[in-house]
PDB file of all heavy atoms in Angstrom:
ATOM      1  N   SER A   1      -9.499  65.818   6.785  1.00  0.00           N
ATOM      2  CA  SER A   1      -9.355  64.804   7.819  1.00  0.00           C
ATOM      3  C   SER A   1     -10.100  65.192   9.108  1.00  0.00           C
ATOM      4  O   SER A   1     -10.351  66.501   9.349  1.00  0.00           O
ATOM      5  CB  SER A   1      -8.010  64.478   8.137  1.00  0.00           C
ATOM      6  OG  SER A   1      -7.268  65.692   8.526  1.00  0.00           O
ATOM      7  N   SER A   2     -10.420  64.288  10.031  1.00  0.00           N
ATOM      8  CA  SER A   2     -11.063  64.648  11.279  1.00  0.00           C
ATOM      9  C   SER A   2     -10.014  65.155  12.238  1.00  0.00           C
ATOM     10  O   SER A   2      -8.796  65.050  12.047  1.00  0.00           O
ATOM     11  CB  SER A   2     -11.605  63.344  11.797  1.00  0.00           C
ATOM     12  OG  SER A   2     -12.553  62.732  11.160  1.00  0.00           O
ATOM     13  N   GLY A   3     -10.382  65.764  13.187  1.00  0.00           N
ATOM     14  CA  GLY A   3      -9.477  66.269  14.294  1.00  0.00           C
ATOM     15  C   GLY A   3      -9.228  67.767  14.192  1.00  0.00           C
ATOM     16  O   GLY A   3      -9.914  68.551  13.429  1.00  0.00           O
ATOM     17  N   ASN A   4      -8.326  68.134  15.168  1.00  0.00           N
ATOM     18  CA  ASN A   4      -7.918  69.511  15.242  1.00  0.00           C
ATOM     19  C   ASN A   4      -6.855  69.961  14.212  1.00  0.00           C
ATOM     20  O   ASN A   4      -5.657  70.183  14.487  1.00  0.00           O
ATOM     21  CB  ASN A   4      -7.333  69.733  16.713  1.00  0.00           C
ATOM     22  CG  ASN A   4      -7.140  71.169  17.080  1.00  0.00           C
ATOM     23  OD1 ASN A   4      -7.816  72.073  16.505  1.00  0.00           O
ATOM     24  ND2 ASN A   4      -6.258  71.442  17.986  1.00  0.00           N
ATOM     25  N   ILE A   5      -7.339  69.991  13.036  1.00  0.00           N
ATOM     26  CA  ILE A   5      -6.351  70.138  11.824  1.00  0.00           C
ATOM     27  C   ILE A   5      -5.933  71.775  11.524  1.00  0.00           C
ATOM     28  O   ILE A   5      -5.084  71.843  10.891  1.00  0.00           O
ATOM     29  CB  ILE A   5      -7.142  69.665  10.598  1.00  0.00           C
ATOM     30  CG1 ILE A   5      -8.400  70.392  10.176  1.00  0.00           C
ATOM     31  CG2 ILE A   5      -7.355  68.215  10.725  1.00  0.00           C
ATOM     32  CD1 ILE A   5      -8.973  70.051   8.860  1.00  0.00           C
ATOM     33  N   THR A   6      -6.727  72.610  12.236  1.00  0.00           N
ATOM     34  CA  THR A   6      -6.305  73.992  11.895  1.00  0.00           C
ATOM     35  C   THR A   6      -6.914  74.831  13.116  1.00  0.00           C
ATOM     36  O   THR A   6      -7.314  74.343  14.067  1.00  0.00           O
ATOM     37  CB  THR A   6      -6.869  74.513  10.456  1.00  0.00           C
ATOM     38  OG1 THR A   6      -6.338  75.794  10.335  1.00  0.00           O
ATOM     39  CG2 THR A   6      -8.396  74.518  10.391  1.00  0.00           C
ATOM     40  N   THR A   7      -6.923  76.241  12.883  1.00  0.00           N
ATOM     41  CA  THR A   7      -7.322  77.159  13.911  1.00  0.00           C
ATOM     42  C   THR A   7      -8.857  77.320  13.756  1.00  0.00           C
ATOM     43  O   THR A   7      -9.220  77.767  12.609  1.00  0.00           O
ATOM     44  CB  THR A   7      -6.611  78.392  13.868  1.00  0.00           C
ATOM     45  OG1 THR A   7      -5.195  78.146  13.890  1.00  0.00           O
ATOM     46  CG2 THR A   7      -6.995  79.303  14.947  1.00  0.00           C
ATOM     47  N   GLY A   8      -9.656  77.198  14.765  1.00  0.00           N
ATOM     48  CA  GLY A   8     -11.150  77.530  14.667  1.00  0.00           C
ATOM     49  C   GLY A   8     -11.857  77.156  15.960  1.00  0.00           C
ATOM     50  O   GLY A   8     -11.217  76.895  17.032  1.00  0.00           O
ATOM     51  N   THR A   9     -13.056  77.203  15.812  1.00  0.00           N
ATOM     52  CA  THR A   9     -14.025  76.984  16.952  1.00  0.00           C
ATOM     53  C   THR A   9     -14.959  75.822  16.755  1.00  0.00           C
ATOM     54  O   THR A   9     -15.798  75.947  15.633  1.00  0.00           O
ATOM     55  CB  THR A   9     -14.847  78.175  17.261  1.00  0.00           C
ATOM     56  OG1 THR A   9     -13.986  79.279  17.542  1.00  0.00           O
ATOM     57  CG2 THR A   9     -15.679  77.985  18.555  1.00  0.00           C
ATOM     58  N   THR A  10     -14.961  74.758  17.373  1.00  0.00           N
ATOM     59  CA  THR A  10     -15.900  73.686  17.156  1.00  0.00           C
ATOM     60  C   THR A  10     -17.394  74.196  17.643  1.00  0.00           C
ATOM     61  O   THR A  10     -17.537  75.029  18.566  1.00  0.00           O
ATOM     62  CB  THR A  10     -15.459  72.346  17.904  1.00  0.00           C
ATOM     63  OG1 THR A  10     -15.589  72.542  19.312  1.00  0.00           O
ATOM     64  CG2 THR A  10     -14.114  71.965  17.535  1.00  0.00           C
ATOM     65  N   ILE A  11     -18.333  73.369  17.321  1.00  0.00           N
ATOM     66  CA  ILE A  11     -19.628  73.565  17.828  1.00  0.00           C
ATOM     67  C   ILE A  11     -19.754  73.512  19.298  1.00  0.00           C
ATOM     68  O   ILE A  11     -20.412  74.374  20.032  1.00  0.00           O
ATOM     69  CB  ILE A  11     -20.676  72.748  16.953  1.00  0.00           C
ATOM     70  CG1 ILE A  11     -20.748  73.266  15.559  1.00  0.00           C
ATOM     71  CG2 ILE A  11     -22.054  72.915  17.800  1.00  0.00           C
ATOM     72  CD1 ILE A  11     -21.640  72.261  14.696  1.00  0.00           C
ATOM     73  N   LEU A  12     -19.065  72.499  19.888  1.00  0.00           N
ATOM     74  CA  LEU A  12     -19.040  72.369  21.335  1.00  0.00           C
ATOM     75  C   LEU A  12     -18.500  73.519  22.042  1.00  0.00           C
ATOM     76  O   LEU A  12     -18.940  74.108  23.032  1.00  0.00           O
ATOM     77  CB  LEU A  12     -18.391  71.087  21.874  1.00  0.00           C
ATOM     78  CG  LEU A  12     -18.248  70.876  23.230  1.00  0.00           C
ATOM     79  CD1 LEU A  12     -19.573  70.763  23.917  1.00  0.00           C
ATOM     80  CD2 LEU A  12     -17.424  69.563  23.549  1.00  0.00           C
ATOM     81  N   GLN A  13     -17.323  73.944  21.490  1.00  0.00           N
ATOM     82  CA  GLN A  13     -16.579  75.105  22.075  1.00  0.00           C
ATOM     83  C   GLN A  13     -17.597  76.409  21.982  1.00  0.00           C
ATOM     84  O   GLN A  13     -17.665  77.308  22.804  1.00  0.00           O
ATOM     85  CB  GLN A  13     -15.402  75.406  21.358  1.00  0.00           C
ATOM     86  CG  GLN A  13     -14.304  74.421  21.623  1.00  0.00           C
ATOM     87  CD  GLN A  13     -13.092  74.497  20.718  1.00  0.00           C
ATOM     88  OE1 GLN A  13     -13.330  74.912  19.494  1.00  0.00           O
ATOM     89  NE2 GLN A  13     -11.942  73.978  21.156  1.00  0.00           N
ATOM     90  N   ALA A  14     -18.251  76.463  20.821  1.00  0.00           N
ATOM     91  CA  ALA A  14     -19.208  77.591  20.649  1.00  0.00           C
ATOM     92  C   ALA A  14     -20.439  77.616  21.536  1.00  0.00           C
ATOM     93  O   ALA A  14     -20.814  78.589  22.103  1.00  0.00           O
ATOM     94  CB  ALA A  14     -19.673  77.613  19.164  1.00  0.00           C
ATOM     95  N   ILE A  15     -20.962  76.354  21.910  1.00  0.00           N
ATOM     96  CA  ILE A  15     -21.891  76.278  22.936  1.00  0.00           C
ATOM     97  C   ILE A  15     -21.447  76.721  24.280  1.00  0.00           C
ATOM     98  O   ILE A  15     -22.201  77.405  24.900  1.00  0.00           O
ATOM     99  CB  ILE A  15     -22.352  74.710  22.925  1.00  0.00           C
ATOM    100  CG1 ILE A  15     -23.074  74.311  21.719  1.00  0.00           C
ATOM    101  CG2 ILE A  15     -23.297  74.614  24.092  1.00  0.00           C
ATOM    102  CD1 ILE A  15     -23.378  73.010  21.560  1.00  0.00           C
ATOM    103  N   ASN A  16     -20.286  76.319  24.614  1.00  0.00           N
ATOM    104  CA  ASN A  16     -19.760  76.783  25.857  1.00  0.00           C
ATOM    105  C   ASN A  16     -19.636  78.332  25.996  1.00  0.00           C
ATOM    106  O   ASN A  16     -19.740  78.804  27.173  1.00  0.00           O
ATOM    107  CB  ASN A  16     -18.460  76.076  26.117  1.00  0.00           C
ATOM    108  CG  ASN A  16     -18.512  74.671  26.708  1.00  0.00           C
ATOM    109  OD1 ASN A  16     -19.247  74.383  27.659  1.00  0.00           O
ATOM    110  ND2 ASN A  16     -17.989  73.651  26.035  1.00  0.00           N
ATOM    111  N   SER A  17     -19.373  78.835  24.789  1.00  0.00           N
ATOM    112  CA  SER A  17     -19.160  80.349  24.920  1.00  0.00           C
ATOM    113  C   SER A  17     -20.533  81.106  24.781  1.00  0.00           C
ATOM    114  O   SER A  17     -20.640  82.188  25.270  1.00  0.00           O
ATOM    115  CB  SER A  17     -18.256  80.753  23.562  1.00  0.00           C
ATOM    116  OG  SER A  17     -16.971  80.220  23.575  1.00  0.00           O
ATOM    117  N   ALA A  18     -21.618  80.319  24.316  1.00  0.00           N
ATOM    118  CA  ALA A  18     -22.756  81.006  24.097  1.00  0.00           C
ATOM    119  C   ALA A  18     -23.679  81.183  25.363  1.00  0.00           C
ATOM    120  O   ALA A  18     -24.458  82.034  25.557  1.00  0.00           O
ATOM    121  CB  ALA A  18     -23.645  80.326  23.021  1.00  0.00           C
ATOM    122  N   VAL A  19     -23.457  80.147  26.233  1.00  0.00           N
ATOM    123  CA  VAL A  19     -24.415  80.132  27.462  1.00  0.00           C
ATOM    124  C   VAL A  19     -23.920  80.943  28.454  1.00  0.00           C
ATOM    125  O   VAL A  19     -22.767  81.416  28.610  1.00  0.00           O
ATOM    126  CB  VAL A  19     -24.483  78.587  27.929  1.00  0.00           C
ATOM    127  CG1 VAL A  19     -25.119  77.675  26.870  1.00  0.00           C
ATOM    128  CG2 VAL A  19     -23.205  78.026  28.378  1.00  0.00           C
ATOM    129  N   SER A  20     -24.868  81.152  29.572  1.00  0.00           N
ATOM    130  CA  SER A  20     -24.520  81.915  30.747  1.00  0.00           C
ATOM    131  C   SER A  20     -23.612  81.111  31.522  1.00  0.00           C
ATOM    132  O   SER A  20     -23.358  79.893  31.542  1.00  0.00           O
ATOM    133  CB  SER A  20     -25.760  82.212  31.482  1.00  0.00           C
ATOM    134  OG  SER A  20     -26.283  81.117  32.134  1.00  0.00           O
ATOM    135  N   SER A  21     -22.862  81.931  32.482  1.00  0.00           N
ATOM    136  CA  SER A  21     -21.953  81.187  33.475  1.00  0.00           C
ATOM    137  C   SER A  21     -22.561  80.243  34.340  1.00  0.00           C
ATOM    138  O   SER A  21     -21.837  79.306  34.927  1.00  0.00           O
ATOM    139  CB  SER A  21     -21.119  82.293  34.156  1.00  0.00           C
ATOM    140  OG  SER A  21     -22.064  83.093  35.057  1.00  0.00           O
ATOM    141  N   SER A  22     -23.834  80.209  34.502  1.00  0.00           N
ATOM    142  CA  SER A  22     -24.568  79.318  35.454  1.00  0.00           C
ATOM    143  C   SER A  22     -25.021  78.145  34.774  1.00  0.00           C
ATOM    144  O   SER A  22     -25.521  77.180  35.467  1.00  0.00           O
ATOM    145  CB  SER A  22     -25.795  80.164  36.074  1.00  0.00           C
ATOM    146  OG  SER A  22     -26.658  80.479  35.060  1.00  0.00           O
ATOM    147  N   THR A  23     -24.938  78.038  33.454  1.00  0.00           N
ATOM    148  CA  THR A  23     -25.301  76.961  32.667  1.00  0.00           C
ATOM    149  C   THR A  23     -24.282  75.696  32.650  1.00  0.00           C
ATOM    150  O   THR A  23     -23.073  76.052  32.326  1.00  0.00           O
ATOM    151  CB  THR A  23     -25.889  77.174  31.296  1.00  0.00           C
ATOM    152  OG1 THR A  23     -26.741  78.239  31.360  1.00  0.00           O
ATOM    153  CG2 THR A  23     -26.187  76.040  30.507  1.00  0.00           C
ATOM    154  N   GLN A  24     -24.683  74.647  33.072  1.00  0.00           N
ATOM    155  CA  GLN A  24     -23.831  73.452  32.887  1.00  0.00           C
ATOM    156  C   GLN A  24     -23.864  72.704  31.563  1.00  0.00           C
ATOM    157  O   GLN A  24     -25.053  72.420  31.137  1.00  0.00           O
ATOM    158  CB  GLN A  24     -24.150  72.483  34.045  1.00  0.00           C
ATOM    159  CG  GLN A  24     -23.182  71.167  34.143  1.00  0.00           C
ATOM    160  CD  GLN A  24     -23.724  70.146  35.271  1.00  0.00           C
ATOM    161  OE1 GLN A  24     -24.891  70.353  35.695  1.00  0.00           O
ATOM    162  NE2 GLN A  24     -22.777  69.241  35.601  1.00  0.00           N
ATOM    163  N   VAL A  25     -22.731  72.522  30.808  1.00  0.00           N
ATOM    164  CA  VAL A  25     -22.758  71.819  29.616  1.00  0.00           C
ATOM    165  C   VAL A  25     -21.971  70.597  29.762  1.00  0.00           C
ATOM    166  O   VAL A  25     -20.805  70.423  30.229  1.00  0.00           O
ATOM    167  CB  VAL A  25     -21.884  72.846  28.540  1.00  0.00           C
ATOM    168  CG1 VAL A  25     -21.780  72.035  27.245  1.00  0.00           C
ATOM    169  CG2 VAL A  25     -22.689  73.988  28.397  1.00  0.00           C
ATOM    170  N   ILE A  26     -22.577  69.424  29.468  1.00  0.00           N
ATOM    171  CA  ILE A  26     -22.119  68.201  29.599  1.00  0.00           C
ATOM    172  C   ILE A  26     -21.938  67.540  28.147  1.00  0.00           C
ATOM    173  O   ILE A  26     -22.904  67.575  27.487  1.00  0.00           O
ATOM    174  CB  ILE A  26     -22.976  67.213  30.474  1.00  0.00           C
ATOM    175  CG1 ILE A  26     -22.971  67.763  31.918  1.00  0.00           C
ATOM    176  CG2 ILE A  26     -22.515  65.865  30.640  1.00  0.00           C
ATOM    177  CD1 ILE A  26     -24.014  67.140  32.825  1.00  0.00           C
ATOM    178  N   PHE A  27     -20.898  66.958  27.831  1.00  0.00           N
ATOM    179  CA  PHE A  27     -20.608  66.349  26.583  1.00  0.00           C
ATOM    180  C   PHE A  27     -20.422  64.784  26.702  1.00  0.00           C
ATOM    181  O   PHE A  27     -19.520  64.421  27.555  1.00  0.00           O
ATOM    182  CB  PHE A  27     -19.422  66.865  25.928  1.00  0.00           C
ATOM    183  CG  PHE A  27     -19.064  66.312  24.618  1.00  0.00           C
ATOM    184  CD1 PHE A  27     -19.898  66.248  23.518  1.00  0.00           C
ATOM    185  CD2 PHE A  27     -17.859  65.721  24.375  1.00  0.00           C
ATOM    186  CE1 PHE A  27     -19.574  65.650  22.410  1.00  0.00           C
ATOM    187  CE2 PHE A  27     -17.490  65.173  23.189  1.00  0.00           C
ATOM    188  CZ  PHE A  27     -18.413  64.989  22.166  1.00  0.00           C
ATOM    189  N   SER A  28     -21.200  64.065  25.902  1.00  0.00           N
ATOM    190  CA  SER A  28     -20.995  62.611  25.915  1.00  0.00           C
ATOM    191  C   SER A  28     -21.123  62.216  24.370  1.00  0.00           C
ATOM    192  O   SER A  28     -22.168  62.368  23.740  1.00  0.00           O
ATOM    193  CB  SER A  28     -22.040  61.841  26.565  1.00  0.00           C
ATOM    194  OG  SER A  28     -22.117  60.590  26.395  1.00  0.00           O
ATOM    195  N   GLN A  29     -20.030  61.823  23.835  1.00  0.00           N
ATOM    196  CA  GLN A  29     -19.995  61.479  22.365  1.00  0.00           C
ATOM    197  C   GLN A  29     -20.953  60.667  21.940  1.00  0.00           C
ATOM    198  O   GLN A  29     -21.617  60.776  20.893  1.00  0.00           O
ATOM    199  CB  GLN A  29     -18.575  61.171  21.992  1.00  0.00           C
ATOM    200  CG  GLN A  29     -18.406  61.051  20.388  1.00  0.00           C
ATOM    201  CD  GLN A  29     -16.982  60.991  20.058  1.00  0.00           C
ATOM    202  OE1 GLN A  29     -16.241  61.921  20.478  1.00  0.00           O
ATOM    203  NE2 GLN A  29     -16.574  60.091  19.223  1.00  0.00           N
ATOM    204  N   ASN A  30     -21.287  59.510  22.687  1.00  0.00           N
ATOM    205  CA  ASN A  30     -22.181  58.453  22.321  1.00  0.00           C
ATOM    206  C   ASN A  30     -23.707  58.703  22.831  1.00  0.00           C
ATOM    207  O   ASN A  30     -24.521  57.840  22.491  1.00  0.00           O
ATOM    208  CB  ASN A  30     -21.808  57.107  22.664  1.00  0.00           C
ATOM    209  CG  ASN A  30     -21.805  56.926  24.322  1.00  0.00           C
ATOM    210  OD1 ASN A  30     -22.189  57.821  25.000  1.00  0.00           O
ATOM    211  ND2 ASN A  30     -21.316  55.762  24.832  1.00  0.00           N
ATOM    212  N   GLY A  31     -23.910  59.874  23.508  1.00  0.00           N
ATOM    213  CA  GLY A  31     -25.173  60.207  23.775  1.00  0.00           C
ATOM    214  C   GLY A  31     -25.758  59.708  25.068  1.00  0.00           C
ATOM    215  O   GLY A  31     -27.045  59.829  25.408  1.00  0.00           O
ATOM    216  N   THR A  32     -24.927  58.927  25.844  1.00  0.00           N
ATOM    217  CA  THR A  32     -25.454  58.317  27.118  1.00  0.00           C
ATOM    218  C   THR A  32     -25.198  59.370  28.207  1.00  0.00           C
ATOM    219  O   THR A  32     -24.143  60.092  28.215  1.00  0.00           O
ATOM    220  CB  THR A  32     -24.680  57.070  27.483  1.00  0.00           C
ATOM    221  OG1 THR A  32     -23.306  57.231  27.551  1.00  0.00           O
ATOM    222  CG2 THR A  32     -24.957  55.975  26.400  1.00  0.00           C
ATOM    223  N   GLY A  33     -26.082  59.289  29.161  1.00  0.00           N
ATOM    224  CA  GLY A  33     -25.908  60.279  30.332  1.00  0.00           C
ATOM    225  C   GLY A  33     -26.619  61.539  30.243  1.00  0.00           C
ATOM    226  O   GLY A  33     -26.110  62.429  31.114  1.00  0.00           O
ATOM    227  N   GLY A  34     -27.490  61.748  29.442  1.00  0.00           N
ATOM    228  CA  GLY A  34     -28.267  62.993  29.325  1.00  0.00           C
ATOM    229  C   GLY A  34     -29.443  63.239  30.242  1.00  0.00           C
ATOM    230  O   GLY A  34     -30.002  64.326  30.135  1.00  0.00           O
ATOM    231  N   GLU A  35     -29.750  62.352  31.083  1.00  0.00           N
ATOM    232  CA  GLU A  35     -30.869  62.534  32.029  1.00  0.00           C
ATOM    233  C   GLU A  35     -30.735  63.756  32.777  1.00  0.00           C
ATOM    234  O   GLU A  35     -29.648  64.201  33.380  1.00  0.00           O
ATOM    235  CB  GLU A  35     -30.900  61.398  33.013  1.00  0.00           C
ATOM    236  CG  GLU A  35     -31.229  59.951  32.432  1.00  0.00           C
ATOM    237  CD  GLU A  35     -30.156  59.283  31.680  1.00  0.00           C
ATOM    238  OE1 GLU A  35     -28.877  59.897  31.860  1.00  0.00           O
ATOM    239  OE2 GLU A  35     -30.307  58.318  31.181  1.00  0.00           O
ATOM    240  N   GLY A  36     -31.956  64.427  32.910  1.00  0.00           N
ATOM    241  CA  GLY A  36     -31.921  65.658  33.788  1.00  0.00           C
ATOM    242  C   GLY A  36     -31.632  66.997  33.009  1.00  0.00           C
ATOM    243  O   GLY A  36     -31.727  68.003  33.592  1.00  0.00           O
ATOM    244  N   ALA A  37     -31.233  66.850  31.833  1.00  0.00           N
ATOM    245  CA  ALA A  37     -30.832  68.008  30.920  1.00  0.00           C
ATOM    246  C   ALA A  37     -32.082  68.814  30.448  1.00  0.00           C
ATOM    247  O   ALA A  37     -33.167  68.142  30.479  1.00  0.00           O
ATOM    248  CB  ALA A  37     -29.896  67.676  29.754  1.00  0.00           C
ATOM    249  N   ASP A  38     -32.055  70.017  30.345  1.00  0.00           N
ATOM    250  CA  ASP A  38     -33.041  70.838  29.792  1.00  0.00           C
ATOM    251  C   ASP A  38     -33.234  70.560  28.290  1.00  0.00           C
ATOM    252  O   ASP A  38     -34.352  70.570  27.788  1.00  0.00           O
ATOM    253  CB  ASP A  38     -32.843  72.324  30.062  1.00  0.00           C
ATOM    254  CG  ASP A  38     -32.839  72.679  31.455  1.00  0.00           C
ATOM    255  OD1 ASP A  38     -33.806  72.436  32.210  1.00  0.00           O
ATOM    256  OD2 ASP A  38     -31.748  73.223  31.938  1.00  0.00           O
ATOM    257  N   VAL A  39     -32.122  70.324  27.643  1.00  0.00           N
ATOM    258  CA  VAL A  39     -32.142  70.104  26.231  1.00  0.00           C
ATOM    259  C   VAL A  39     -30.912  69.305  25.787  1.00  0.00           C
ATOM    260  O   VAL A  39     -29.928  69.458  26.463  1.00  0.00           O
ATOM    261  CB  VAL A  39     -32.336  71.422  25.451  1.00  0.00           C
ATOM    262  CG1 VAL A  39     -30.975  72.304  25.440  1.00  0.00           C
ATOM    263  CG2 VAL A  39     -32.688  71.182  23.848  1.00  0.00           C
ATOM    264  N   ALA A  40     -30.932  68.572  24.716  1.00  0.00           N
ATOM    265  CA  ALA A  40     -29.838  67.898  24.169  1.00  0.00           C
ATOM    266  C   ALA A  40     -29.589  68.425  22.853  1.00  0.00           C
ATOM    267  O   ALA A  40     -30.401  68.644  21.971  1.00  0.00           O
ATOM    268  CB  ALA A  40     -30.021  66.329  24.113  1.00  0.00           C
ATOM    269  N   ILE A  41     -28.244  68.773  22.415  1.00  0.00           N
ATOM    270  CA  ILE A  41     -27.857  69.165  21.144  1.00  0.00           C
ATOM    271  C   ILE A  41     -27.020  68.019  20.594  1.00  0.00           C
ATOM    272  O   ILE A  41     -25.941  67.707  21.171  1.00  0.00           O
ATOM    273  CB  ILE A  41     -27.158  70.474  21.172  1.00  0.00           C
ATOM    274  CG1 ILE A  41     -28.043  71.510  21.741  1.00  0.00           C
ATOM    275  CG2 ILE A  41     -26.602  70.856  19.781  1.00  0.00           C
ATOM    276  CD1 ILE A  41     -27.236  72.886  21.955  1.00  0.00           C
ATOM    277  N   VAL A  42     -27.459  67.387  19.601  1.00  0.00           N
ATOM    278  CA  VAL A  42     -26.640  66.211  19.013  1.00  0.00           C
ATOM    279  C   VAL A  42     -26.212  66.652  17.666  1.00  0.00           C
ATOM    280  O   VAL A  42     -26.996  67.062  16.751  1.00  0.00           O
ATOM    281  CB  VAL A  42     -27.688  65.073  18.910  1.00  0.00           C
ATOM    282  CG1 VAL A  42     -26.867  63.743  18.416  1.00  0.00           C
ATOM    283  CG2 VAL A  42     -28.256  64.789  20.260  1.00  0.00           C
ATOM    284  N   VAL A  43     -24.915  66.536  17.447  1.00  0.00           N
ATOM    285  CA  VAL A  43     -24.257  66.983  16.286  1.00  0.00           C
ATOM    286  C   VAL A  43     -23.665  65.719  15.573  1.00  0.00           C
ATOM    287  O   VAL A  43     -22.759  65.107  15.922  1.00  0.00           O
ATOM    288  CB  VAL A  43     -23.087  67.940  16.428  1.00  0.00           C
ATOM    289  CG1 VAL A  43     -22.607  68.641  15.189  1.00  0.00           C
ATOM    290  CG2 VAL A  43     -23.575  69.006  17.502  1.00  0.00           C
ATOM    291  N   ILE A  44     -24.321  65.382  14.385  1.00  0.00           N
ATOM    292  CA  ILE A  44     -23.973  64.178  13.645  1.00  0.00           C
ATOM    293  C   ILE A  44     -23.813  64.411  12.201  1.00  0.00           C
ATOM    294  O   ILE A  44     -23.824  65.521  11.787  1.00  0.00           O
ATOM    295  CB  ILE A  44     -25.115  63.074  13.918  1.00  0.00           C
ATOM    296  CG1 ILE A  44     -26.551  63.615  13.388  1.00  0.00           C
ATOM    297  CG2 ILE A  44     -25.235  62.723  15.296  1.00  0.00           C
ATOM    298  CD1 ILE A  44     -27.496  62.644  13.422  1.00  0.00           C
TER     299      ILE A  44
END
């Protein structure tokens, strides 16, 4: 099933852990609002 079904790390959580403290991570489920980003990571 979808959702927070057990203990673990989602890809978004992993991205937040991987980047430097100066990097801004913005999440938009439907993909709108990405203007100005250096890169988009789309998980589908």
